[in-house]
Amino acid sequence: WLSKEHPYVAEIILKCTKEKPSERPTAADLCSKVLTEQDILRLQLEEKDKLLKKQRSEIDEKDKIIEELKSQVKRMSTERDGSAKVEMKDNNKVCGPEWR
């Protein structure tokens, strides 16, 4: 999970735990490469911001679909109501007022 959540930190840990000491980074290497806590937080914030933008885009797209579906339902409802009135008029013509 560490490599997924914090890939930079996981990479440093893996390098520091190499079996051969010669393959491990020196203290000077670590000091020059390790990000400060503020840098790490900034990177995490940027990742979260990208995720939020993607989710906002998906929500906007789904909102458009919902509005289209609402419009279709309204149109179908109006059409149905209109055809029901036509049927009632037709029934009055066929049956006439004496059948009521």
Protein backbone atom coordinates (compact mmCIF):
# COMPACT_ATOMS: atom_id res chain seq x y z
CA TRP A 1 0.00 0.00 0.00
CA LEU A 2 2.92 2.33 0.68
CA SER A 3 4.10 2.28 -2.91
CA LYS A 4 0.57 3.17 -4.04
CA GLU A 5 -0.09 5.92 -1.50
CA HIS A 6 3.43 7.34 -1.23
CA PRO A 7 5.55 6.11 -4.13
CA TYR A 8 8.42 8.53 -3.47
CA VAL A 9 8.76 7.44 0.16
CA ALA A 10 8.49 3.77 -0.79
CA GLU A 11 11.29 4.20 -3.31
CA ILE A 12 13.57 5.74 -0.69
CA ILE A 13 12.82 2.94 1.78
CA LEU A 14 13.55 0.29 -0.83
CA LYS A 15 16.88 1.92 -1.68
CA CYS A 16 17.84 2.19 1.99
CA THR A 17 17.07 -1.48 2.66
CA LYS A 18 19.17 -2.97 -0.11
CA GLU A 19 21.08 -6.03 1.05
CA LYS A 20 24.48 -4.77 -0.11
CA PRO A 21 25.56 -1.61 1.73
CA SER A 22 27.29 -0.37 -1.40
CA GLU A 23 23.89 -0.21 -3.15
CA ARG A 24 22.34 1.90 -0.39
CA PRO A 25 22.32 5.69 -0.64
CA THR A 26 24.67 7.64 1.59
CA ALA A 27 23.44 10.17 4.13
CA ALA A 28 24.54 12.93 1.76
CA ASP A 29 22.54 11.30 -1.05
CA LEU A 30 19.47 11.13 1.13
CA CYS A 31 19.80 14.73 2.28
CA SER A 32 20.06 15.98 -1.27
CA LYS A 33 17.17 13.86 -2.59
CA VAL A 34 14.69 13.60 0.23
CA LEU A 35 11.80 15.95 -0.06
CA THR A 36 10.83 18.05 2.88
CA GLU A 37 7.54 17.31 4.60
CA GLN A 38 6.08 20.44 3.00
CA ASP A 39 7.10 19.22 -0.47
CA ILE A 40 5.49 15.84 0.17
CA LEU A 41 2.29 17.49 1.38
CA ARG A 42 2.25 19.74 -1.69
CA LEU A 43 2.61 16.72 -3.98
CA GLN A 44 -0.18 14.91 -2.15
CA LEU A 45 -2.37 17.99 -2.44
CA GLU A 46 -1.70 18.17 -6.18
CA GLU A 47 -2.66 14.50 -6.56
CA LYS A 48 -5.89 15.05 -4.60
CA ASP A 49 -6.64 18.14 -6.68
CA LYS A 50 -6.28 16.13 -9.90
CA LEU A 51 -8.60 13.49 -8.51
CA LEU A 52 -11.17 16.11 -7.50
CA LYS A 53 -11.07 17.69 -10.96
CA LYS A 54 -11.62 14.29 -12.57
CA GLN A 55 -14.52 13.54 -10.25
CA ARG A 56 -16.03 17.00 -10.86
CA SER A 57 -15.85 16.35 -14.60
CA GLU A 58 -17.59 12.98 -14.15
CA ILE A 59 -20.29 14.59 -12.00
CA ASP A 60 -20.86 17.33 -14.58
CA GLU A 61 -21.22 14.71 -17.30
CA LYS A 62 -23.72 12.72 -15.23
CA ASP A 63 -25.64 15.92 -14.43
CA LYS A 64 -26.02 16.53 -18.17
CA ILE A 65 -27.33 13.00 -18.65
CA ILE A 66 -29.80 13.49 -15.78
CA GLU A 67 -31.06 16.75 -17.32
CA GLU A 68 -31.49 15.04 -20.70
CA LEU A 69 -33.44 12.21 -19.07
CA LYS A 70 -35.65 14.68 -17.18
CA SER A 71 -36.38 16.43 -20.45
CA GLN A 72 -37.27 13.13 -22.12
CA VAL A 73 -39.58 12.16 -19.25
CA LYS A 74 -41.30 15.53 -19.37
CA ARG A 75 -41.75 15.29 -23.15
CA MET A 76 -43.10 11.73 -22.88
CA SER A 77 -45.45 12.77 -20.08
CA THR A 78 -46.73 15.68 -22.16
CA GLU A 79 -47.20 13.42 -25.18
CA ARG A 80 -49.03 10.84 -23.06
CA ASP A 81 -51.31 13.47 -21.55
CA GLY A 82 -52.04 14.83 -25.01
CA SER A 83 -52.90 11.39 -26.40
CA ALA A 84 -55.14 10.69 -23.39
CA LYS A 85 -57.12 13.86 -24.15
CA VAL A 86 -57.45 12.81 -27.79
CA GLU A 87 -58.75 9.39 -26.71
CA MET A 88 -61.33 11.01 -24.43
CA LYS A 89 -62.50 13.26 -27.26
CA ASP A 90 -62.70 10.26 -29.59
CA ASN A 91 -64.72 8.31 -27.01
CA ASN A 92 -67.18 11.18 -26.69
CA LYS A 93 -67.66 11.19 -30.43
CA VAL A 94 -68.23 7.45 -30.61
CA CYS A 95 -70.41 7.11 -27.57
CA GLY A 96 -72.09 10.48 -27.63
CA PRO A 97 -73.46 12.33 -24.62
CA GLU A 98 -76.42 9.96 -24.24
CA TRP A 99 -74.14 7.14 -23.08
CA ARG A 100 -72.87 9.03 -20.07
